Amino acid sequence: MVSEIACPVCGNKVEVFDICDHCGWHNSGPGETEDSVQGPNKMTLKEAREAYKKGLKVS
């Protein structure tokens, strides 16, 4: 059974711990916080959301 959640950056469906096909965010799971860099991401969740809203690359 595949578990899908809403991407915390763009809101599209993504599998848990997978990379979002829409925005490129690597979902680090339920323990993800807005202000720390987790997993392979190079920006915080807060920075990624701001970049996405501006149409910039999320990494």
C-alpha atoms as a PDB file:
ATOM      1  CA  MET A   1       0.000   0.000   0.000  1.00  0.00           C
ATOM      2  CA  VAL A   2       1.438   3.371  -1.066  1.00  0.00           C
ATOM      3  CA  SER A   3       0.897   6.223   1.349  1.00  0.00           C
ATOM      4  CA  GLU A   4       0.376   9.624  -0.260  1.00  0.00           C
ATOM      5  CA  ILE A   5       0.332  12.987   1.455  1.00  0.00           C
ATOM      6  CA  ALA A   6       0.124  16.589   0.313  1.00  0.00           C
ATOM      7  CA  CYS A   7       3.541  18.052  -0.510  1.00  0.00           C
ATOM      8  CA  PRO A   8       4.369  20.527   2.265  1.00  0.00           C
ATOM      9  CA  VAL A   9       5.625  23.036  -0.335  1.00  0.00           C
ATOM     10  CA  CYS A  10       3.161  22.968  -3.251  1.00  0.00           C
ATOM     11  CA  GLY A  11       0.283  20.804  -1.983  1.00  0.00           C
ATOM     12  CA  ASN A  12       0.354  18.211  -4.786  1.00  0.00           C
ATOM     13  CA  LYS A  13       0.131  14.538  -3.854  1.00  0.00           C
ATOM     14  CA  VAL A  14       3.461  12.876  -3.121  1.00  0.00           C
ATOM     15  CA  GLU A  15       4.464   9.578  -1.558  1.00  0.00           C
ATOM     16  CA  VAL A  16       5.905   9.769   1.953  1.00  0.00           C
ATOM     17  CA  PHE A  17       9.707  10.302   1.811  1.00  0.00           C
ATOM     18  CA  ASP A  18       9.592  10.847  -1.987  1.00  0.00           C
ATOM     19  CA  ILE A  19      10.532  13.763  -4.231  1.00  0.00           C
ATOM     20  CA  CYS A  20       7.604  15.857  -5.432  1.00  0.00           C
ATOM     21  CA  ASP A  21       7.282  15.622  -9.225  1.00  0.00           C
ATOM     22  CA  HIS A  22       5.768  19.110  -9.322  1.00  0.00           C
ATOM     23  CA  CYS A  23       8.121  21.283  -7.248  1.00  0.00           C
ATOM     24  CA  GLY A  24      11.140  19.035  -6.529  1.00  0.00           C
ATOM     25  CA  TRP A  25      10.904  19.064  -2.714  1.00  0.00           C
ATOM     26  CA  HIS A  26      12.201  15.912  -1.006  1.00  0.00           C
ATOM     27  CA  ASN A  27       9.616  15.059   1.606  1.00  0.00           C
ATOM     28  CA  SER A  28      11.343  14.245   4.886  1.00  0.00           C
ATOM     29  CA  GLY A  29       8.252  12.843   6.583  1.00  0.00           C
ATOM     30  CA  PRO A  30       6.047  13.842   9.501  1.00  0.00           C
ATOM     31  CA  GLY A  31       8.899  15.210  11.644  1.00  0.00           C
ATOM     32  CA  GLU A  32       9.658  17.963   9.151  1.00  0.00           C
ATOM     33  CA  THR A  33       9.868  21.468  10.604  1.00  0.00           C
ATOM     34  CA  GLU A  34       9.754  24.854   8.879  1.00  0.00           C
ATOM     35  CA  ASP A  35      13.060  26.218  10.145  1.00  0.00           C
ATOM     36  CA  SER A  36      15.621  23.431   9.770  1.00  0.00           C
ATOM     37  CA  VAL A  37      17.247  21.804   6.753  1.00  0.00           C
ATOM     38  CA  GLN A  38      16.393  18.107   6.652  1.00  0.00           C
ATOM     39  CA  GLY A  39      17.323  15.206   4.416  1.00  0.00           C
ATOM     40  CA  PRO A  40      18.853  16.075   1.049  1.00  0.00           C
ATOM     41  CA  ASN A  41      17.104  19.463   0.873  1.00  0.00           C
ATOM     42  CA  LYS A  42      19.374  22.497   0.735  1.00  0.00           C
ATOM     43  CA  MET A  43      16.796  24.963   2.049  1.00  0.00           C
ATOM     44  CA  THR A  44      14.368  25.001   4.940  1.00  0.00           C
ATOM     45  CA  LEU A  45      10.713  24.233   4.365  1.00  0.00           C
ATOM     46  CA  LYS A  46       9.905  27.905   4.970  1.00  0.00           C
ATOM     47  CA  GLU A  47      12.481  29.002   2.354  1.00  0.00           C
ATOM     48  CA  ALA A  48      11.166  26.400  -0.107  1.00  0.00           C
ATOM     49  CA  ARG A  49       7.574  27.634   0.261  1.00  0.00           C
ATOM     50  CA  GLU A  50       8.676  31.229  -0.316  1.00  0.00           C
ATOM     51  CA  ALA A  51      10.755  30.225  -3.371  1.00  0.00           C
ATOM     52  CA  TYR A  52       7.844  28.210  -4.808  1.00  0.00           C
ATOM     53  CA  LYS A  53       5.449  31.147  -4.427  1.00  0.00           C
ATOM     54  CA  LYS A  54       7.932  33.334  -6.355  1.00  0.00           C
ATOM     55  CA  GLY A  55       8.386  30.719  -9.088  1.00  0.00           C
ATOM     56  CA  LEU A  56      11.990  30.000  -8.079  1.00  0.00           C
ATOM     57  CA  LYS A  57      13.685  26.595  -7.944  1.00  0.00           C
ATOM     58  CA  VAL A  58      13.089  24.552  -4.800  1.00  0.00           C
ATOM     59  CA  SER A  59      16.053  22.527  -3.569  1.00  0.00           C
END
